Amino acid sequence: MADQIILQKLDGSADAERILDEFERRTGLAGDVQDDDRYYELHDEEHRTQIVQTLTEIDARWTDHLGFKLPG
């Protein structure tokens, strides 16, 4: 699995920003903001396995506002 994930805002709503801010608060990850994307460095296996679960706990409809983006 990659050592980095990118979460991309799919809309300009405040919901995407709210979900990302809460995600950072809960995980302790600090995103590097680039345009509408936030880049996260994953430091251990625990971070990797809890990403989707954490986003779902924050907002069950998070996929309406955010998506994963491939590095490139």
Protein backbone atom coordinates (compact mmCIF):
# COMPACT_ATOMS: atom_id res chain seq x y z
CA MET A 1 0.00 0.00 0.00
CA ALA A 2 1.15 3.55 -0.67
CA ASP A 3 2.79 5.65 2.01
CA GLN A 4 0.68 8.61 0.94
CA ILE A 5 -3.02 9.14 0.34
CA ILE A 6 -4.70 12.08 -1.34
CA LEU A 7 -8.24 13.12 -0.46
CA GLN A 8 -9.86 15.34 -3.05
CA LYS A 9 -12.87 17.59 -2.52
CA LEU A 10 -15.60 16.73 -5.01
CA ASP A 11 -17.64 19.84 -4.42
CA GLY A 12 -17.16 23.30 -3.02
CA SER A 13 -19.41 22.71 -0.04
CA ALA A 14 -18.45 23.35 3.54
CA ASP A 15 -19.16 19.65 4.21
CA ALA A 16 -15.97 18.54 2.46
CA GLU A 17 -13.90 20.97 4.50
CA ARG A 18 -15.68 19.99 7.72
CA ILE A 19 -15.09 16.28 7.10
CA LEU A 20 -11.40 16.80 6.31
CA ASP A 21 -10.85 18.96 9.38
CA GLU A 22 -12.51 16.38 11.63
CA PHE A 23 -10.56 13.58 9.93
CA GLU A 24 -7.31 15.35 10.79
CA ARG A 25 -8.43 15.95 14.35
CA ARG A 26 -9.36 12.31 14.92
CA THR A 27 -6.37 10.72 13.20
CA GLY A 28 -3.66 13.17 14.17
CA LEU A 29 -2.64 13.38 10.51
CA ALA A 30 -1.76 16.79 9.10
CA GLY A 31 -2.66 17.26 5.47
CA ASP A 32 -0.56 19.20 3.01
CA VAL A 33 -3.16 21.36 1.21
CA GLN A 34 -2.76 21.73 -2.55
CA ASP A 35 -5.74 23.29 -4.34
CA ASP A 36 -8.76 21.12 -3.42
CA ASP A 37 -6.60 18.17 -2.37
CA ARG A 38 -5.05 17.17 0.92
CA TYR A 39 -2.00 14.95 0.91
CA TYR A 40 -1.38 12.72 3.92
CA GLU A 41 1.75 10.78 4.80
CA LEU A 42 0.90 7.47 6.46
CA HIS A 43 3.27 6.50 9.20
CA ASP A 44 2.03 3.06 10.21
CA GLU A 45 -0.41 0.30 9.37
CA GLU A 46 -2.97 1.60 11.86
CA HIS A 47 -3.42 4.84 9.90
CA ARG A 48 -3.93 2.88 6.68
CA THR A 49 -6.66 0.63 8.02
CA GLN A 50 -8.69 3.32 9.75
CA ILE A 51 -9.09 5.85 6.94
CA VAL A 52 -12.44 4.74 5.49
CA GLN A 53 -13.82 3.77 8.90
CA THR A 54 -12.96 7.19 10.33
CA LEU A 55 -14.44 9.06 7.37
CA THR A 56 -17.65 7.02 7.64
CA GLU A 57 -17.93 7.70 11.36
CA ILE A 58 -17.61 11.43 10.68
CA ASP A 59 -20.22 11.46 7.91
CA ALA A 60 -21.83 8.39 6.35
CA ARG A 61 -22.17 10.35 3.09
CA TRP A 62 -18.53 11.43 2.93
CA THR A 63 -18.22 9.97 -0.59
CA ASP A 64 -20.65 12.65 -1.79
CA HIS A 65 -18.02 15.25 -0.87
CA LEU A 66 -14.61 13.52 -1.02
CA GLY A 67 -12.78 10.98 -3.08
CA PHE A 68 -9.37 9.35 -3.22
CA LYS A 69 -6.99 10.61 -5.87
CA LEU A 70 -4.06 8.67 -7.29
CA PRO A 71 -0.65 10.33 -6.97
CA GLY A 72 0.64 11.42 -10.26
